[in-house]
Amino acid sequence: MAGLQTGAPTPQSITVHSQSRVLEVGFSDGASFRIPFELMRIYSPSAEVQGHGPGQEVLQTGKRNVDVLDLQPVGNYAVQPSFSDGHDTGIYSWDLLYELGAKQDELWAEYERRLAAAGVDRDAPMAEKGGHACGSH
């Protein structure tokens, strides 16, 4: 999902709506999306969430009420949010934000499938992880 395509739409406006827990992004092609913080958090591009290769993804749970506490620009191509659960290593390129916005229904459905396959509830606390010391988070 990450990356920056040449000629891809770029954000013209980004607004953090803390009360409704959504990031509103208006793009140069006229598209506008309201991306829930929870969706951003469960699909974070960080190694902590995505792992270091296919099949190493870590299913995120208990993120329904996560907030974005801060949003910092990264060059001219991305933003880096700090979430209320302490997660702050994901860098969200414009392409990723567009994809999260445009494919919300598909991404929620995939998340629900992954939860069902793992036999866990969306609001379950995250399981403790151990022994991972790659230094990328």
N, C-alpha and C. Protein backbone atom coordinates (compact mmCIF):
# COMPACT_ATOMS: atom_id res chain seq x y z
N MET A 1 0.81 -1.20 0.00
CA MET A 1 0.00 0.00 0.00
C MET A 1 0.86 1.26 0.00
N ALA A 2 2.04 1.20 0.53
CA ALA A 2 2.85 2.41 0.64
C ALA A 2 3.48 2.76 -0.69
N GLY A 3 4.03 3.95 -0.75
CA GLY A 3 4.70 4.39 -1.96
C GLY A 3 4.15 5.72 -2.41
N LEU A 4 4.76 6.30 -3.42
CA LEU A 4 4.31 7.57 -3.95
C LEU A 4 4.39 7.50 -5.47
N GLN A 5 3.23 7.44 -6.09
CA GLN A 5 3.15 7.33 -7.55
C GLN A 5 3.32 8.70 -8.20
N THR A 6 4.09 8.76 -9.28
CA THR A 6 4.25 9.98 -10.03
C THR A 6 2.90 10.40 -10.59
N GLY A 7 2.55 11.66 -10.40
CA GLY A 7 1.29 12.17 -10.92
C GLY A 7 0.08 11.81 -10.09
N ALA A 8 0.29 11.13 -8.97
CA ALA A 8 -0.83 10.74 -8.10
C ALA A 8 -1.40 11.98 -7.41
N PRO A 9 -2.67 11.93 -7.04
CA PRO A 9 -3.27 13.06 -6.33
C PRO A 9 -2.53 13.36 -5.03
N THR A 10 -2.45 14.62 -4.71
CA THR A 10 -1.81 15.06 -3.47
C THR A 10 -2.83 15.77 -2.59
N PRO A 11 -2.64 15.73 -1.27
CA PRO A 11 -3.59 16.39 -0.38
C PRO A 11 -3.59 17.91 -0.56
N GLN A 12 -4.77 18.47 -0.59
CA GLN A 12 -4.93 19.92 -0.62
C GLN A 12 -5.34 20.42 0.77
N SER A 13 -5.92 19.52 1.57
CA SER A 13 -6.29 19.85 2.94
C SER A 13 -6.27 18.58 3.78
N ILE A 14 -5.82 18.73 5.02
CA ILE A 14 -5.82 17.63 5.98
C ILE A 14 -6.32 18.20 7.30
N THR A 15 -7.39 17.60 7.82
CA THR A 15 -7.98 18.07 9.07
C THR A 15 -8.15 16.89 10.03
N VAL A 16 -7.63 17.05 11.23
CA VAL A 16 -7.82 16.05 12.27
C VAL A 16 -9.09 16.41 13.03
N HIS A 17 -10.07 15.51 13.01
CA HIS A 17 -11.32 15.70 13.75
C HIS A 17 -11.27 14.80 14.98
N SER A 18 -10.81 15.35 16.09
CA SER A 18 -10.60 14.55 17.30
C SER A 18 -11.89 13.99 17.86
N GLN A 19 -12.97 14.77 17.85
CA GLN A 19 -14.21 14.30 18.47
C GLN A 19 -14.79 13.10 17.72
N SER A 20 -14.80 13.17 16.38
CA SER A 20 -15.35 12.06 15.59
C SER A 20 -14.30 11.02 15.23
N ARG A 21 -13.05 11.27 15.62
CA ARG A 21 -11.93 10.35 15.38
C ARG A 21 -11.76 10.00 13.91
N VAL A 22 -11.70 11.03 13.07
CA VAL A 22 -11.44 10.82 11.65
C VAL A 22 -10.43 11.85 11.15
N LEU A 23 -9.67 11.43 10.15
CA LEU A 23 -8.78 12.33 9.44
C LEU A 23 -9.45 12.65 8.11
N GLU A 24 -9.74 13.92 7.89
CA GLU A 24 -10.37 14.33 6.64
C GLU A 24 -9.29 14.82 5.70
N VAL A 25 -9.25 14.23 4.50
CA VAL A 25 -8.22 14.58 3.53
C VAL A 25 -8.89 14.90 2.20
N GLY A 26 -8.61 16.11 1.69
CA GLY A 26 -9.09 16.51 0.37
C GLY A 26 -7.93 16.47 -0.60
N PHE A 27 -8.13 15.79 -1.73
CA PHE A 27 -7.05 15.59 -2.70
C PHE A 27 -7.20 16.46 -3.94
N SER A 28 -6.10 16.60 -4.66
CA SER A 28 -6.03 17.46 -5.85
C SER A 28 -6.93 17.01 -6.98
N ASP A 29 -7.38 15.76 -6.97
CA ASP A 29 -8.28 15.29 -8.03
C ASP A 29 -9.75 15.49 -7.64
N GLY A 30 -10.00 16.17 -6.52
CA GLY A 30 -11.35 16.44 -6.08
C GLY A 30 -11.90 15.43 -5.09
N ALA A 31 -11.22 14.30 -4.92
CA ALA A 31 -11.67 13.29 -3.96
C ALA A 31 -11.47 13.81 -2.53
N SER A 32 -12.38 13.44 -1.67
CA SER A 32 -12.28 13.81 -0.26
C SER A 32 -12.68 12.60 0.57
N PHE A 33 -11.90 12.30 1.59
CA PHE A 33 -12.15 11.11 2.40
C PHE A 33 -12.13 11.47 3.87
N ARG A 34 -12.94 10.77 4.64
CA ARG A 34 -12.94 10.84 6.10
C ARG A 34 -12.47 9.46 6.57
N ILE A 35 -11.21 9.38 6.98
CA ILE A 35 -10.59 8.11 7.33
C ILE A 35 -10.59 7.95 8.85
N PRO A 36 -11.29 6.93 9.36
CA PRO A 36 -11.30 6.72 10.82
C PRO A 36 -9.89 6.45 11.35
N PHE A 37 -9.61 7.03 12.52
CA PHE A 37 -8.31 6.80 13.16
C PHE A 37 -8.07 5.31 13.35
N GLU A 38 -9.12 4.57 13.71
CA GLU A 38 -8.98 3.13 13.93
C GLU A 38 -8.48 2.44 12.66
N LEU A 39 -9.04 2.80 11.51
CA LEU A 39 -8.61 2.20 10.25
C LEU A 39 -7.15 2.53 9.97
N MET A 40 -6.77 3.78 10.20
CA MET A 40 -5.36 4.17 10.02
C MET A 40 -4.46 3.34 10.92
N ARG A 41 -4.88 3.16 12.17
CA ARG A 41 -4.04 2.46 13.14
C ARG A 41 -3.90 0.98 12.81
N ILE A 42 -5.01 0.33 12.42
CA ILE A 42 -4.92 -1.11 12.16
C ILE A 42 -4.20 -1.42 10.85
N TYR A 43 -4.13 -0.42 9.95
CA TYR A 43 -3.39 -0.61 8.69
C TYR A 43 -2.12 0.24 8.67
N SER A 44 -1.56 0.52 9.83
CA SER A 44 -0.32 1.30 9.89
C SER A 44 0.75 0.65 9.03
N PRO A 45 1.50 1.47 8.28
CA PRO A 45 2.57 0.91 7.44
C PRO A 45 3.84 0.55 8.22
N SER A 46 3.83 0.70 9.52
CA SER A 46 5.03 0.44 10.32
C SER A 46 5.39 -1.04 10.35
N ALA A 47 6.64 -1.33 10.62
CA ALA A 47 7.10 -2.72 10.75
C ALA A 47 6.43 -3.39 11.93
N GLU A 48 6.08 -2.63 12.95
CA GLU A 48 5.41 -3.18 14.14
C GLU A 48 4.07 -3.82 13.76
N VAL A 49 3.40 -3.26 12.75
CA VAL A 49 2.10 -3.77 12.31
C VAL A 49 2.24 -4.67 11.09
N GLN A 50 3.04 -4.25 10.11
CA GLN A 50 3.17 -4.98 8.85
C GLN A 50 4.16 -6.13 8.90
N GLY A 51 5.05 -6.11 9.91
CA GLY A 51 6.09 -7.13 9.96
C GLY A 51 7.18 -6.80 8.96
N HIS A 52 8.03 -7.77 8.69
CA HIS A 52 9.15 -7.55 7.78
C HIS A 52 9.02 -8.34 6.49
N GLY A 53 7.83 -8.84 6.24
CA GLY A 53 7.59 -9.59 5.01
C GLY A 53 6.20 -10.18 5.03
N PRO A 54 5.78 -10.73 3.89
CA PRO A 54 4.45 -11.31 3.79
C PRO A 54 4.21 -12.38 4.86
N GLY A 55 3.02 -12.34 5.45
CA GLY A 55 2.66 -13.31 6.47
C GLY A 55 3.11 -12.94 7.86
N GLN A 56 3.81 -11.82 8.01
CA GLN A 56 4.30 -11.40 9.33
C GLN A 56 3.46 -10.28 9.93
N GLU A 57 2.33 -9.95 9.30
CA GLU A 57 1.49 -8.88 9.78
C GLU A 57 0.98 -9.20 11.18
N VAL A 58 0.82 -8.18 12.01
CA VAL A 58 0.32 -8.35 13.37
C VAL A 58 -1.09 -7.78 13.42
N LEU A 59 -2.07 -8.65 13.67
CA LEU A 59 -3.46 -8.24 13.74
C LEU A 59 -3.65 -7.28 14.91
N GLN A 60 -4.18 -6.10 14.62
CA GLN A 60 -4.38 -5.08 15.64
C GLN A 60 -5.79 -5.18 16.19
N THR A 61 -5.92 -5.15 17.51
CA THR A 61 -7.23 -5.17 18.16
C THR A 61 -7.25 -4.10 19.24
N GLY A 62 -8.46 -3.76 19.69
CA GLY A 62 -8.60 -2.79 20.76
C GLY A 62 -8.26 -1.37 20.34
N LYS A 63 -8.46 -1.06 19.07
CA LYS A 63 -8.08 0.27 18.55
C LYS A 63 -9.28 1.16 18.23
N ARG A 64 -10.49 0.72 18.57
CA ARG A 64 -11.71 1.46 18.22
C ARG A 64 -11.67 2.91 18.72
N ASN A 65 -11.15 3.13 19.92
CA ASN A 65 -11.17 4.47 20.51
C ASN A 65 -9.83 5.17 20.47
N VAL A 66 -8.94 4.73 19.59
CA VAL A 66 -7.63 5.35 19.48
C VAL A 66 -7.79 6.78 18.92
N ASP A 67 -6.98 7.68 19.43
CA ASP A 67 -6.99 9.07 18.97
C ASP A 67 -5.67 9.39 18.28
N VAL A 68 -5.69 10.40 17.43
CA VAL A 68 -4.46 10.96 16.88
C VAL A 68 -4.13 12.17 17.73
N LEU A 69 -3.00 12.11 18.43
CA LEU A 69 -2.59 13.18 19.32
C LEU A 69 -1.79 14.25 18.60
N ASP A 70 -1.10 13.84 17.52
CA ASP A 70 -0.24 14.77 16.78
C ASP A 70 -0.11 14.24 15.36
N LEU A 71 0.09 15.15 14.42
CA LEU A 71 0.27 14.77 13.02
C LEU A 71 1.38 15.64 12.44
N GLN A 72 2.51 15.02 12.12
CA GLN A 72 3.67 15.76 11.63
C GLN A 72 3.90 15.49 10.15
N PRO A 73 4.24 16.53 9.37
CA PRO A 73 4.59 16.30 7.97
C PRO A 73 5.92 15.57 7.86
N VAL A 74 6.03 14.74 6.82
CA VAL A 74 7.29 14.06 6.50
C VAL A 74 7.62 14.47 5.07
N GLY A 75 8.57 15.38 4.94
CA GLY A 75 8.90 15.91 3.61
C GLY A 75 7.66 16.45 2.93
N ASN A 76 7.58 16.25 1.63
CA ASN A 76 6.42 16.67 0.85
C ASN A 76 5.62 15.48 0.37
N TYR A 77 5.73 14.35 1.09
CA TYR A 77 5.11 13.13 0.58
C TYR A 77 4.30 12.34 1.60
N ALA A 78 4.29 12.75 2.87
CA ALA A 78 3.65 11.91 3.87
C ALA A 78 3.39 12.68 5.16
N VAL A 79 2.65 12.01 6.07
CA VAL A 79 2.48 12.50 7.44
C VAL A 79 2.75 11.34 8.39
N GLN A 80 3.12 11.71 9.62
CA GLN A 80 3.39 10.71 10.65
C GLN A 80 2.55 11.04 11.88
N PRO A 81 1.49 10.26 12.11
CA PRO A 81 0.66 10.51 13.28
C PRO A 81 1.24 9.88 14.54
N SER A 82 0.92 10.49 15.67
CA SER A 82 1.17 9.88 16.98
C SER A 82 -0.19 9.52 17.54
N PHE A 83 -0.38 8.23 17.81
CA PHE A 83 -1.66 7.72 18.30
C PHE A 83 -1.66 7.67 19.83
N SER A 84 -2.85 7.70 20.40
CA SER A 84 -3.00 7.71 21.86
C SER A 84 -2.55 6.41 22.52
N ASP A 85 -2.38 5.33 21.75
CA ASP A 85 -1.89 4.07 22.33
C ASP A 85 -0.37 3.99 22.31
N GLY A 86 0.28 5.10 21.95
CA GLY A 86 1.74 5.14 21.94
C GLY A 86 2.37 4.83 20.60
N HIS A 87 1.59 4.37 19.63
CA HIS A 87 2.13 4.03 18.31
C HIS A 87 2.43 5.32 17.54
N ASP A 88 3.67 5.46 17.06
CA ASP A 88 4.03 6.68 16.34
C ASP A 88 5.09 6.44 15.26
N THR A 89 5.19 5.19 14.79
CA THR A 89 6.25 4.89 13.82
C THR A 89 5.75 4.73 12.38
N GLY A 90 4.45 4.84 12.16
CA GLY A 90 3.93 4.68 10.81
C GLY A 90 4.03 5.97 10.02
N ILE A 91 4.57 5.89 8.81
CA ILE A 91 4.63 7.05 7.91
C ILE A 91 3.63 6.80 6.79
N TYR A 92 2.63 7.67 6.70
CA TYR A 92 1.51 7.52 5.78
C TYR A 92 1.72 8.41 4.56
N SER A 93 2.15 7.77 3.45
CA SER A 93 2.35 8.52 2.20
C SER A 93 1.00 9.00 1.68
N TRP A 94 1.02 9.96 0.77
CA TRP A 94 -0.22 10.44 0.16
C TRP A 94 -0.95 9.28 -0.52
N ASP A 95 -0.21 8.40 -1.19
CA ASP A 95 -0.81 7.24 -1.85
C ASP A 95 -1.55 6.35 -0.84
N LEU A 96 -0.92 6.11 0.31
CA LEU A 96 -1.53 5.26 1.33
C LEU A 96 -2.80 5.91 1.88
N LEU A 97 -2.75 7.21 2.16
CA LEU A 97 -3.95 7.89 2.66
C LEU A 97 -5.08 7.81 1.63
N TYR A 98 -4.74 7.97 0.36
CA TYR A 98 -5.75 7.90 -0.70
C TYR A 98 -6.35 6.50 -0.74
N GLU A 99 -5.50 5.49 -0.66
CA GLU A 99 -5.97 4.11 -0.70
C GLU A 99 -6.83 3.78 0.52
N LEU A 100 -6.40 4.22 1.70
CA LEU A 100 -7.20 3.99 2.91
C LEU A 100 -8.58 4.64 2.76
N GLY A 101 -8.61 5.83 2.19
CA GLY A 101 -9.89 6.52 2.00
C GLY A 101 -10.75 5.87 0.94
N ALA A 102 -10.16 5.56 -0.19
CA ALA A 102 -10.92 5.03 -1.33
C ALA A 102 -11.38 3.60 -1.12
N LYS A 103 -10.65 2.83 -0.35
CA LYS A 103 -10.96 1.41 -0.19
C LYS A 103 -11.43 1.05 1.22
N GLN A 104 -12.03 2.00 1.91
CA GLN A 104 -12.44 1.75 3.30
C GLN A 104 -13.31 0.52 3.44
N ASP A 105 -14.33 0.39 2.59
CA ASP A 105 -15.24 -0.75 2.72
C ASP A 105 -14.50 -2.08 2.58
N GLU A 106 -13.63 -2.17 1.57
CA GLU A 106 -12.85 -3.39 1.36
C GLU A 106 -11.91 -3.67 2.53
N LEU A 107 -11.27 -2.61 3.03
CA LEU A 107 -10.32 -2.78 4.13
C LEU A 107 -11.02 -3.20 5.42
N TRP A 108 -12.20 -2.62 5.69
CA TRP A 108 -12.95 -3.04 6.87
C TRP A 108 -13.36 -4.50 6.74
N ALA A 109 -13.82 -4.89 5.56
CA ALA A 109 -14.24 -6.28 5.33
C ALA A 109 -13.06 -7.24 5.52
N GLU A 110 -11.91 -6.87 5.01
CA GLU A 110 -10.71 -7.70 5.18
C GLU A 110 -10.33 -7.80 6.66
N TYR A 111 -10.42 -6.70 7.36
CA TYR A 111 -10.13 -6.70 8.80
C TYR A 111 -11.08 -7.63 9.54
N GLU A 112 -12.37 -7.55 9.22
CA GLU A 112 -13.36 -8.43 9.85
C GLU A 112 -13.05 -9.89 9.55
N ARG A 113 -12.61 -10.20 8.33
CA ARG A 113 -12.23 -11.58 7.97
C ARG A 113 -11.04 -12.04 8.80
N ARG A 114 -10.06 -11.17 8.93
CA ARG A 114 -8.86 -11.53 9.70
C ARG A 114 -9.19 -11.74 11.18
N LEU A 115 -10.07 -10.89 11.72
CA LEU A 115 -10.49 -11.07 13.12
C LEU A 115 -11.18 -12.42 13.29
N ALA A 116 -12.12 -12.73 12.39
CA ALA A 116 -12.86 -13.99 12.47
C ALA A 116 -11.92 -15.18 12.35
N ALA A 117 -10.97 -15.11 11.42
CA ALA A 117 -10.03 -16.22 11.22
C ALA A 117 -9.17 -16.43 12.47
N ALA A 118 -8.85 -15.34 13.16
CA ALA A 118 -8.02 -15.44 14.37
C ALA A 118 -8.86 -15.74 15.60
N GLY A 119 -10.19 -15.67 15.46
CA GLY A 119 -11.07 -15.94 16.60
C GLY A 119 -10.98 -14.89 17.69
N VAL A 120 -10.73 -13.64 17.29
CA VAL A 120 -10.64 -12.56 18.27
C VAL A 120 -11.65 -11.47 17.96
N ASP A 121 -12.00 -10.73 18.97
CA ASP A 121 -12.94 -9.62 18.86
C ASP A 121 -12.19 -8.34 18.55
N ARG A 122 -12.83 -7.46 17.81
CA ARG A 122 -12.25 -6.17 17.43
C ARG A 122 -11.80 -5.36 18.65
N ASP A 123 -12.51 -5.49 19.75
CA ASP A 123 -12.21 -4.70 20.94
C ASP A 123 -11.35 -5.43 21.96
N ALA A 124 -10.89 -6.62 21.62
CA ALA A 124 -10.02 -7.37 22.54
C ALA A 124 -8.71 -6.60 22.73
N PRO A 125 -8.15 -6.66 23.94
CA PRO A 125 -6.84 -6.02 24.12
C PRO A 125 -5.79 -6.74 23.29
N MET A 126 -4.77 -5.99 22.90
CA MET A 126 -3.67 -6.58 22.13
C MET A 126 -2.93 -7.60 22.99
N ALA A 127 -2.61 -8.74 22.39
CA ALA A 127 -1.83 -9.76 23.08
C ALA A 127 -0.41 -9.24 23.26
N GLU A 128 0.20 -9.62 24.35
CA GLU A 128 1.60 -9.24 24.58
C GLU A 128 2.48 -9.94 23.56
N LYS A 129 3.44 -9.19 23.05
CA LYS A 129 4.39 -9.81 22.13
C LYS A 129 5.75 -9.85 22.83
N GLY A 130 6.55 -10.80 22.42
CA GLY A 130 7.85 -10.89 23.08
C GLY A 130 8.93 -11.30 22.12
N GLY A 131 10.15 -10.94 22.44
CA GLY A 131 11.30 -11.42 21.71
C GLY A 131 11.59 -10.72 20.41
N HIS A 132 10.83 -9.69 20.04
CA HIS A 132 11.09 -9.02 18.77
C HIS A 132 11.97 -7.81 19.02
N ALA A 133 13.19 -7.86 18.54
CA ALA A 133 14.13 -6.78 18.81
C ALA A 133 14.81 -6.31 17.54
N CYS A 134 14.02 -5.96 16.53
CA CYS A 134 14.61 -5.55 15.25
C CYS A 134 15.07 -4.10 15.28
N GLY A 135 14.58 -3.32 16.26
CA GLY A 135 14.98 -1.93 16.34
C GLY A 135 14.24 -1.02 15.39
N SER A 136 13.23 -1.54 14.67
CA SER A 136 12.52 -0.68 13.71
C SER A 136 11.31 -0.03 14.33
N HIS A 137 11.11 -0.17 15.61
CA HIS A 137 9.99 0.50 16.27
C HIS A 137 10.36 0.82 17.65
